[in-house]
Structure formats: structure tokens, C-alpha cells
Amino acid sequence: MLLKGVLLGISLSFMIGPLLFSVVEASIVRGFRAGVAVAAGIWSSDFLFIGLILWSLELFTTVTSLPGFRFWAEALGGMMLIAFGIVSFFSKPGAPKNTDQDDDESNDHPYFRLWLRGFFINLINPGTVFFWLGIVSALVAPNHWTNSQSLTFLGGMISVLIVTDTLKAWGARSIRHFLTPNHIRQIQRTIGMVLAVFGLVLLLQAVGRDSFIVNY
């Protein structure tokens, strides 16, 4: 169970999406601890989804099957990602120091707000709930795994994601020391635009859904 979870977690760690860009941006702009704070918010929402789905798989399946659920999930998620992208584009980064310390070690950065950002970006991403729902309904439930087996499998996945996200934050922070304030500003704007594009794609997917048009 642990090996299966680790292998699946490794494959997921290579996925590119708004979550990766959020961690990288926080690490480059604010430092390693800031990137880990965003990543911790992502892990927390993953734990929330896993717990709720394991606790009430049938209810989650029923809710996500409701007419219009995917439309509203994608529409709201898209609008929130666009908002996060706009905020990232226009926010002002701090200037990098010439020492080996992160700016975030001065305790001037609101780690809780960064945690909330990661938490809500993952929470509003409809792919997250459908992913964990698919894992549980396609692997855990049909194979009748015990609670111990399920937790070992899912724990292996989450453990790998925690390690790889931390390494991504560290790698992005390492690059930061070679960047000028102008470089950091350009990177922040680029990632802000990328997040907005992800949100726009979700929004367009929602608008184009035949199920919404038929039912409404």
C-alpha cells in the first residue's frame, strides 16, 4: 500500500498547474518559508478532502453528480484564480537581500495569509475534489481496502507531495539570490498572468458545458 501511494505521488509531483506556480512565486518573491506556507495550505485542503471523502464517499458522489455542480465549481474556481492572478500581478515584491537569509526570516511576512492562499487555491480548484474522489472511488472502494490500508496508501501519496513541494520551494528560493528586483517583478507578473490564464480556461470550460445549457 505504501509503495503504491509513493509511486502515484511521484507521478503527481511532476504535474504543472496553478498550485506549482503559486508555490514557486511565493518562494521567489518572499523566500523559502513563504513558499512552504503556501504549500502547507495546499496540503491542508488535501487532508480535508481526503477525510471528508473517506468519511462520506456516497454523499460526495451524489453532490458532485448534481446537475450544474461542475459548472459552478469551474466557474467559481476560475473567477477566484483570475482574482489571485490579478493580485499577484499588481502586488509589490520585497527586494532580495545580499545575505544567505530569506526576507521572510524577519517575520514581516504574513505566513497565515500565505497559508490561506494555498488552502483556497487548492480548495476552489475543481480538479482537486474530482481527483481525490476518483482515487477513493476507483481504487479504495472497489478493492475494499481497510482503513489502515487506505490511510497507508493515501499517506504515501501525501508524504511524497509534501517532500517534493518543499524541494520546489527550496529550489525556487535558491534562484532568488541571483535575481535583481526587476527580475523578481517580471517573474511575479508572469506567474500572475499564468494563474489568470488557468482561471480563464476554467471559466470558459464552465460556460461551454452543455449540461448547464440544457438544465438552465
C-alpha atoms as a PDB file:
ATOM      1  CA  MET A   1       0.000   0.000   0.000  1.00  0.00           C
ATOM      2  CA  LEU A   2       2.775   2.408   0.926  1.00  0.00           C
ATOM      3  CA  LEU A   3       4.751   1.693  -2.263  1.00  0.00           C
ATOM      4  CA  LYS A   4       1.650   2.179  -4.433  1.00  0.00           C
ATOM      5  CA  GLY A   5       0.960   5.507  -2.769  1.00  0.00           C
ATOM      6  CA  VAL A   6       4.568   6.663  -3.118  1.00  0.00           C
ATOM      7  CA  LEU A   7       4.712   5.763  -6.815  1.00  0.00           C
ATOM      8  CA  LEU A   8       1.454   7.576  -7.556  1.00  0.00           C
ATOM      9  CA  GLY A   9       2.634  10.548  -5.510  1.00  0.00           C
ATOM     10  CA  ILE A  10       5.855  10.736  -7.529  1.00  0.00           C
ATOM     11  CA  SER A  11       3.909  10.827 -10.790  1.00  0.00           C
ATOM     12  CA  LEU A  12       1.666  13.599  -9.422  1.00  0.00           C
ATOM     13  CA  SER A  13       4.644  15.696  -8.318  1.00  0.00           C
ATOM     14  CA  PHE A  14       5.544  16.334 -11.982  1.00  0.00           C
ATOM     15  CA  MET A  15       2.172  17.859 -12.820  1.00  0.00           C
ATOM     16  CA  ILE A  16       2.213  21.531 -13.828  1.00  0.00           C
ATOM     17  CA  GLY A  17      -0.650  23.734 -12.717  1.00  0.00           C
ATOM     18  CA  PRO A  18      -1.680  26.774 -10.663  1.00  0.00           C
ATOM     19  CA  LEU A  19      -0.584  25.090  -7.419  1.00  0.00           C
ATOM     20  CA  LEU A  20       3.006  24.730  -8.624  1.00  0.00           C
ATOM     21  CA  PHE A  21       3.173  28.333  -9.817  1.00  0.00           C
ATOM     22  CA  SER A  22       1.751  29.587  -6.508  1.00  0.00           C
ATOM     23  CA  VAL A  23       4.476  27.826  -4.505  1.00  0.00           C
ATOM     24  CA  VAL A  24       7.225  28.961  -6.886  1.00  0.00           C
ATOM     25  CA  GLU A  25       6.042  32.572  -6.875  1.00  0.00           C
ATOM     26  CA  ALA A  26       5.897  32.783  -3.072  1.00  0.00           C
ATOM     27  CA  SER A  27       9.369  31.245  -2.772  1.00  0.00           C
ATOM     28  CA  ILE A  28      10.971  33.563  -5.319  1.00  0.00           C
ATOM     29  CA  VAL A  29       9.252  36.740  -4.163  1.00  0.00           C
ATOM     30  CA  ARG A  30       9.203  36.209  -0.384  1.00  0.00           C
ATOM     31  CA  GLY A  31      11.530  33.321   0.430  1.00  0.00           C
ATOM     32  CA  PHE A  32      11.600  29.621   1.314  1.00  0.00           C
ATOM     33  CA  ARG A  33       9.330  29.780   4.355  1.00  0.00           C
ATOM     34  CA  ALA A  34       6.727  31.697   2.405  1.00  0.00           C
ATOM     35  CA  GLY A  35       6.719  29.011  -0.297  1.00  0.00           C
ATOM     36  CA  VAL A  36       6.339  26.293   2.336  1.00  0.00           C
ATOM     37  CA  ALA A  37       3.476  28.254   3.920  1.00  0.00           C
ATOM     38  CA  VAL A  38       1.594  28.256   0.598  1.00  0.00           C
ATOM     39  CA  ALA A  39       2.365  24.570   0.114  1.00  0.00           C
ATOM     40  CA  ALA A  40       1.151  23.821   3.656  1.00  0.00           C
ATOM     41  CA  GLY A  41      -2.180  25.409   2.804  1.00  0.00           C
ATOM     42  CA  ILE A  42      -2.413  23.121  -0.224  1.00  0.00           C
ATOM     43  CA  TRP A  43      -1.637  20.044   1.878  1.00  0.00           C
ATOM     44  CA  SER A  44      -4.216  21.083   4.471  1.00  0.00           C
ATOM     45  CA  SER A  45      -7.001  21.273   1.904  1.00  0.00           C
ATOM     46  CA  ASP A  46      -5.894  17.897   0.517  1.00  0.00           C
ATOM     47  CA  PHE A  47      -6.194  16.416   4.014  1.00  0.00           C
ATOM     48  CA  LEU A  48      -9.647  17.982   4.309  1.00  0.00           C
ATOM     49  CA  PHE A  49     -10.845  16.492   1.028  1.00  0.00           C
ATOM     50  CA  ILE A  50      -9.405  13.064   1.812  1.00  0.00           C
ATOM     51  CA  GLY A  51     -11.005  12.976   5.245  1.00  0.00           C
ATOM     52  CA  LEU A  52     -14.414  14.095   4.030  1.00  0.00           C
ATOM     53  CA  ILE A  53     -14.449  11.722   1.068  1.00  0.00           C
ATOM     54  CA  LEU A  54     -13.360   8.731   3.138  1.00  0.00           C
ATOM     55  CA  TRP A  55     -15.941   9.614   5.757  1.00  0.00           C
ATOM     56  CA  SER A  56     -18.815  10.052   3.289  1.00  0.00           C
ATOM     57  CA  LEU A  57     -17.962   8.775  -0.178  1.00  0.00           C
ATOM     58  CA  GLU A  58     -21.600   8.230  -1.160  1.00  0.00           C
ATOM     59  CA  LEU A  59     -22.577  11.778  -0.197  1.00  0.00           C
ATOM     60  CA  PHE A  60     -19.673  13.288  -2.152  1.00  0.00           C
ATOM     61  CA  THR A  61     -20.535  11.185  -5.198  1.00  0.00           C
ATOM     62  CA  THR A  62     -24.138  12.344  -5.026  1.00  0.00           C
ATOM     63  CA  VAL A  63     -23.247  16.013  -4.614  1.00  0.00           C
ATOM     64  CA  THR A  64     -20.705  16.069  -7.446  1.00  0.00           C
ATOM     65  CA  SER A  65     -23.227  14.333  -9.720  1.00  0.00           C
ATOM     66  CA  LEU A  66     -25.828  17.059  -9.274  1.00  0.00           C
ATOM     67  CA  PRO A  67     -26.753  18.978 -12.463  1.00  0.00           C
ATOM     68  CA  GLY A  68     -24.705  22.131 -12.689  1.00  0.00           C
ATOM     69  CA  PHE A  69     -22.224  21.174  -9.953  1.00  0.00           C
ATOM     70  CA  ARG A  70     -19.243  21.029 -12.304  1.00  0.00           C
ATOM     71  CA  PHE A  71     -20.340  24.265 -13.963  1.00  0.00           C
ATOM     72  CA  TRP A  72     -20.467  26.197 -10.696  1.00  0.00           C
ATOM     73  CA  ALA A  73     -17.274  24.570  -9.406  1.00  0.00           C
ATOM     74  CA  GLU A  74     -15.367  25.541 -12.548  1.00  0.00           C
ATOM     75  CA  ALA A  75     -16.946  28.996 -12.790  1.00  0.00           C
ATOM     76  CA  LEU A  76     -16.231  29.954  -9.185  1.00  0.00           C
ATOM     77  CA  GLY A  77     -12.794  28.339  -9.281  1.00  0.00           C
ATOM     78  CA  GLY A  78     -11.970  30.172 -12.496  1.00  0.00           C
ATOM     79  CA  MET A  79     -13.038  33.548 -11.106  1.00  0.00           C
ATOM     80  CA  MET A  80     -11.033  33.001  -7.924  1.00  0.00           C
ATOM     81  CA  LEU A  81      -7.906  32.017  -9.859  1.00  0.00           C
ATOM     82  CA  ILE A  82      -8.274  35.117 -12.028  1.00  0.00           C
ATOM     83  CA  ALA A  83      -8.556  37.214  -8.855  1.00  0.00           C
ATOM     84  CA  PHE A  84      -5.434  35.575  -7.357  1.00  0.00           C
ATOM     85  CA  GLY A  85      -3.594  36.194 -10.633  1.00  0.00           C
ATOM     86  CA  ILE A  86      -4.559  39.882 -10.697  1.00  0.00           C
ATOM     87  CA  VAL A  87      -3.498  40.362  -7.066  1.00  0.00           C
ATOM     88  CA  SER A  88      -0.180  38.641  -7.782  1.00  0.00           C
ATOM     89  CA  PHE A  89       0.366  40.753 -10.895  1.00  0.00           C
ATOM     90  CA  PHE A  90      -0.117  44.077  -9.115  1.00  0.00           C
ATOM     91  CA  SER A  91       1.367  43.307  -5.670  1.00  0.00           C
ATOM     92  CA  LYS A  92       4.802  44.680  -4.848  1.00  0.00           C
ATOM     93  CA  PRO A  93       7.621  42.197  -4.094  1.00  0.00           C
ATOM     94  CA  GLY A  94      10.277  42.867  -1.494  1.00  0.00           C
ATOM     95  CA  ALA A  95      13.828  43.449  -2.647  1.00  0.00           C
ATOM     96  CA  PRO A  96      16.157  40.445  -2.264  1.00  0.00           C
ATOM     97  CA  LYS A  97      18.889  40.650   0.343  1.00  0.00           C
ATOM     98  CA  ASN A  98      22.580  40.163  -0.296  1.00  0.00           C
ATOM     99  CA  THR A  99      22.861  37.616   2.507  1.00  0.00           C
ATOM    100  CA  ASP A 100      22.003  33.964   2.738  1.00  0.00           C
ATOM    101  CA  GLN A 101      18.931  34.744   4.846  1.00  0.00           C
ATOM    102  CA  ASP A 102      15.438  34.923   3.404  1.00  0.00           C
ATOM    103  CA  ASP A 103      13.464  38.124   3.708  1.00  0.00           C
ATOM    104  CA  ASP A 104      10.800  36.036   5.384  1.00  0.00           C
ATOM    105  CA  GLU A 105      13.102  35.379   8.355  1.00  0.00           C
ATOM    106  CA  SER A 106      12.431  38.932   9.521  1.00  0.00           C
ATOM    107  CA  ASN A 107       8.907  37.799  10.422  1.00  0.00           C
ATOM    108  CA  ASP A 108       7.470  40.657   8.375  1.00  0.00           C
ATOM    109  CA  HIS A 109       5.532  38.370   6.058  1.00  0.00           C
ATOM    110  CA  PRO A 110       2.052  37.145   6.969  1.00  0.00           C
ATOM    111  CA  TYR A 111       2.523  33.379   6.842  1.00  0.00           C
ATOM    112  CA  PHE A 112      -1.094  32.751   7.772  1.00  0.00           C
ATOM    113  CA  ARG A 113      -2.304  34.713   4.750  1.00  0.00           C
ATOM    114  CA  LEU A 114       0.074  32.741   2.549  1.00  0.00           C
ATOM    115  CA  TRP A 115      -1.272  29.525   4.077  1.00  0.00           C
ATOM    116  CA  LEU A 116      -4.811  30.703   3.347  1.00  0.00           C
ATOM    117  CA  ARG A 117      -3.842  31.460  -0.230  1.00  0.00           C
ATOM    118  CA  GLY A 118      -2.569  27.919  -0.798  1.00  0.00           C
ATOM    119  CA  PHE A 119      -5.570  26.465   1.018  1.00  0.00           C
ATOM    120  CA  PHE A 120      -8.148  28.335  -1.060  1.00  0.00           C
ATOM    121  CA  ILE A 121      -6.357  27.930  -4.409  1.00  0.00           C
ATOM    122  CA  ASN A 122      -6.461  24.169  -3.885  1.00  0.00           C
ATOM    123  CA  LEU A 123      -9.951  24.257  -2.381  1.00  0.00           C
ATOM    124  CA  ILE A 124     -11.520  26.152  -5.288  1.00  0.00           C
ATOM    125  CA  ASN A 125      -9.756  24.036  -7.894  1.00  0.00           C
ATOM    126  CA  PRO A 126     -12.470  21.613  -9.105  1.00  0.00           C
ATOM    127  CA  GLY A 127      -9.774  19.226 -10.269  1.00  0.00           C
ATOM    128  CA  THR A 128      -8.770  18.647  -6.650  1.00  0.00           C
ATOM    129  CA  VAL A 129     -12.109  17.313  -5.418  1.00  0.00           C
ATOM    130  CA  PHE A 130     -12.638  15.215  -8.544  1.00  0.00           C
ATOM    131  CA  PHE A 131      -9.108  13.842  -8.303  1.00  0.00           C
ATOM    132  CA  TRP A 132      -9.412  12.655  -4.701  1.00  0.00           C
ATOM    133  CA  LEU A 133     -12.949  11.453  -5.345  1.00  0.00           C
ATOM    134  CA  GLY A 134     -11.657   9.454  -8.307  1.00  0.00           C
ATOM    135  CA  ILE A 135      -8.802   7.949  -6.273  1.00  0.00           C
ATOM    136  CA  VAL A 136     -11.117   6.821  -3.496  1.00  0.00           C
ATOM    137  CA  SER A 137     -13.969   5.623  -5.725  1.00  0.00           C
ATOM    138  CA  ALA A 138     -11.721   3.906  -8.306  1.00  0.00           C
ATOM    139  CA  LEU A 139      -9.092   2.344  -6.037  1.00  0.00           C
ATOM    140  CA  VAL A 140     -10.052   2.350  -2.382  1.00  0.00           C
ATOM    141  CA  ALA A 141     -13.768   1.486  -2.515  1.00  0.00           C
ATOM    142  CA  PRO A 142     -13.756  -1.231  -5.255  1.00  0.00           C
ATOM    143  CA  ASN A 143     -10.828  -3.065  -3.631  1.00  0.00           C
ATOM    144  CA  HIS A 144     -12.477  -2.945  -0.200  1.00  0.00           C
ATOM    145  CA  TRP A 145      -9.320  -1.729   1.479  1.00  0.00           C
ATOM    146  CA  THR A 146      -9.364  -1.492   5.250  1.00  0.00           C
ATOM    147  CA  ASN A 147      -8.980   1.862   6.978  1.00  0.00           C
ATOM    148  CA  SER A 148      -5.354   1.010   7.716  1.00  0.00           C
ATOM    149  CA  GLN A 149      -4.627   0.122   4.081  1.00  0.00           C
ATOM    150  CA  SER A 150      -6.399   3.245   2.800  1.00  0.00           C
ATOM    151  CA  LEU A 151      -4.567   5.549   5.187  1.00  0.00           C
ATOM    152  CA  THR A 152      -1.217   3.923   4.358  1.00  0.00           C
ATOM    153  CA  PHE A 153      -1.809   4.342   0.615  1.00  0.00           C
ATOM    154  CA  LEU A 154      -3.046   7.935   0.851  1.00  0.00           C
ATOM    155  CA  GLY A 155      -0.368   8.757   3.428  1.00  0.00           C
ATOM    156  CA  GLY A 156       2.298   7.608   0.985  1.00  0.00           C
ATOM    157  CA  MET A 157       0.888   9.910  -1.689  1.00  0.00           C
ATOM    158  CA  ILE A 158       0.656  12.938   0.594  1.00  0.00           C
ATOM    159  CA  SER A 159       4.134  12.326   2.050  1.00  0.00           C
ATOM    160  CA  VAL A 160       5.699  12.392  -1.410  1.00  0.00           C
ATOM    161  CA  LEU A 161       3.794  15.566  -2.313  1.00  0.00           C
ATOM    162  CA  ILE A 162       4.976  17.251   0.898  1.00  0.00           C
ATOM    163  CA  VAL A 163       8.615  16.353   0.208  1.00  0.00           C
ATOM    164  CA  THR A 164       8.536  17.372  -3.465  1.00  0.00           C
ATOM    165  CA  ASP A 165       6.649  20.636  -2.800  1.00  0.00           C
ATOM    166  CA  THR A 166       9.233  21.529  -0.149  1.00  0.00           C
ATOM    167  CA  LEU A 167      12.038  20.821  -2.623  1.00  0.00           C
ATOM    168  CA  LYS A 168      10.308  23.012  -5.220  1.00  0.00           C
ATOM    169  CA  ALA A 169      10.098  25.861  -2.705  1.00  0.00           C
ATOM    170  CA  TRP A 170      13.769  25.419  -1.800  1.00  0.00           C
ATOM    171  CA  GLY A 171      14.814  25.340  -5.461  1.00  0.00           C
ATOM    172  CA  ALA A 172      12.837  28.492  -6.268  1.00  0.00           C
ATOM    173  CA  ARG A 173      14.283  30.245  -3.211  1.00  0.00           C
ATOM    174  CA  SER A 174      17.818  29.315  -4.325  1.00  0.00           C
ATOM    175  CA  ILE A 175      17.240  31.022  -7.668  1.00  0.00           C
ATOM    176  CA  ARG A 176      16.054  34.150  -5.889  1.00  0.00           C
ATOM    177  CA  HIS A 177      19.540  35.158  -4.743  1.00  0.00           C
ATOM    178  CA  PHE A 178      20.658  35.533  -8.371  1.00  0.00           C
ATOM    179  CA  LEU A 179      17.774  37.812  -9.331  1.00  0.00           C
ATOM    180  CA  THR A 180      17.514  41.580  -9.328  1.00  0.00           C
ATOM    181  CA  PRO A 181      14.350  43.323  -8.084  1.00  0.00           C
ATOM    182  CA  ASN A 182      13.358  43.863 -11.712  1.00  0.00           C
ATOM    183  CA  HIS A 183      13.721  40.143 -12.461  1.00  0.00           C
ATOM    184  CA  ILE A 184      11.587  39.254  -9.454  1.00  0.00           C
ATOM    185  CA  ARG A 185       8.941  41.751 -10.543  1.00  0.00           C
ATOM    186  CA  GLN A 186       8.847  40.270 -14.049  1.00  0.00           C
ATOM    187  CA  ILE A 187       8.573  36.727 -12.695  1.00  0.00           C
ATOM    188  CA  GLN A 188       5.781  37.756 -10.341  1.00  0.00           C
ATOM    189  CA  ARG A 189       3.839  39.393 -13.159  1.00  0.00           C
ATOM    190  CA  THR A 190       4.347  36.387 -15.415  1.00  0.00           C
ATOM    191  CA  ILE A 191       3.098  33.947 -12.773  1.00  0.00           C
ATOM    192  CA  GLY A 192       0.164  36.257 -12.057  1.00  0.00           C
ATOM    193  CA  MET A 193      -0.775  36.125 -15.739  1.00  0.00           C
ATOM    194  CA  VAL A 194      -0.363  32.328 -15.745  1.00  0.00           C
ATOM    195  CA  LEU A 195      -2.760  31.980 -12.797  1.00  0.00           C
ATOM    196  CA  ALA A 196      -5.246  34.264 -14.537  1.00  0.00           C
ATOM    197  CA  VAL A 197      -4.993  32.163 -17.715  1.00  0.00           C
ATOM    198  CA  PHE A 198      -5.684  28.975 -15.747  1.00  0.00           C
ATOM    199  CA  GLY A 199      -8.720  30.702 -14.264  1.00  0.00           C
ATOM    200  CA  LEU A 200      -9.919  31.904 -17.663  1.00  0.00           C
ATOM    201  CA  VAL A 201      -9.638  28.384 -19.089  1.00  0.00           C
ATOM    202  CA  LEU A 202     -11.745  27.032 -16.210  1.00  0.00           C
ATOM    203  CA  LEU A 203     -14.288  29.790 -16.734  1.00  0.00           C
ATOM    204  CA  LEU A 204     -14.545  29.076 -20.477  1.00  0.00           C
ATOM    205  CA  GLN A 205     -14.929  25.345 -19.776  1.00  0.00           C
ATOM    206  CA  ALA A 206     -17.794  26.126 -17.426  1.00  0.00           C
ATOM    207  CA  VAL A 207     -19.559  28.423 -19.885  1.00  0.00           C
ATOM    208  CA  GLY A 208     -19.233  25.852 -22.678  1.00  0.00           C
ATOM    209  CA  ARG A 209     -20.752  22.959 -20.751  1.00  0.00           C
ATOM    210  CA  ASP A 210     -23.804  21.510 -22.480  1.00  0.00           C
ATOM    211  CA  SER A 211     -25.120  20.216 -19.164  1.00  0.00           C
ATOM    212  CA  PHE A 212     -25.503  23.767 -17.857  1.00  0.00           C
ATOM    213  CA  ILE A 213     -27.221  24.976 -21.024  1.00  0.00           C
ATOM    214  CA  VAL A 214     -29.638  22.037 -21.037  1.00  0.00           C
ATOM    215  CA  ASN A 215     -30.549  22.261 -17.371  1.00  0.00           C
ATOM    216  CA  TYR A 216     -30.791  26.020 -17.157  1.00  0.00           C
END
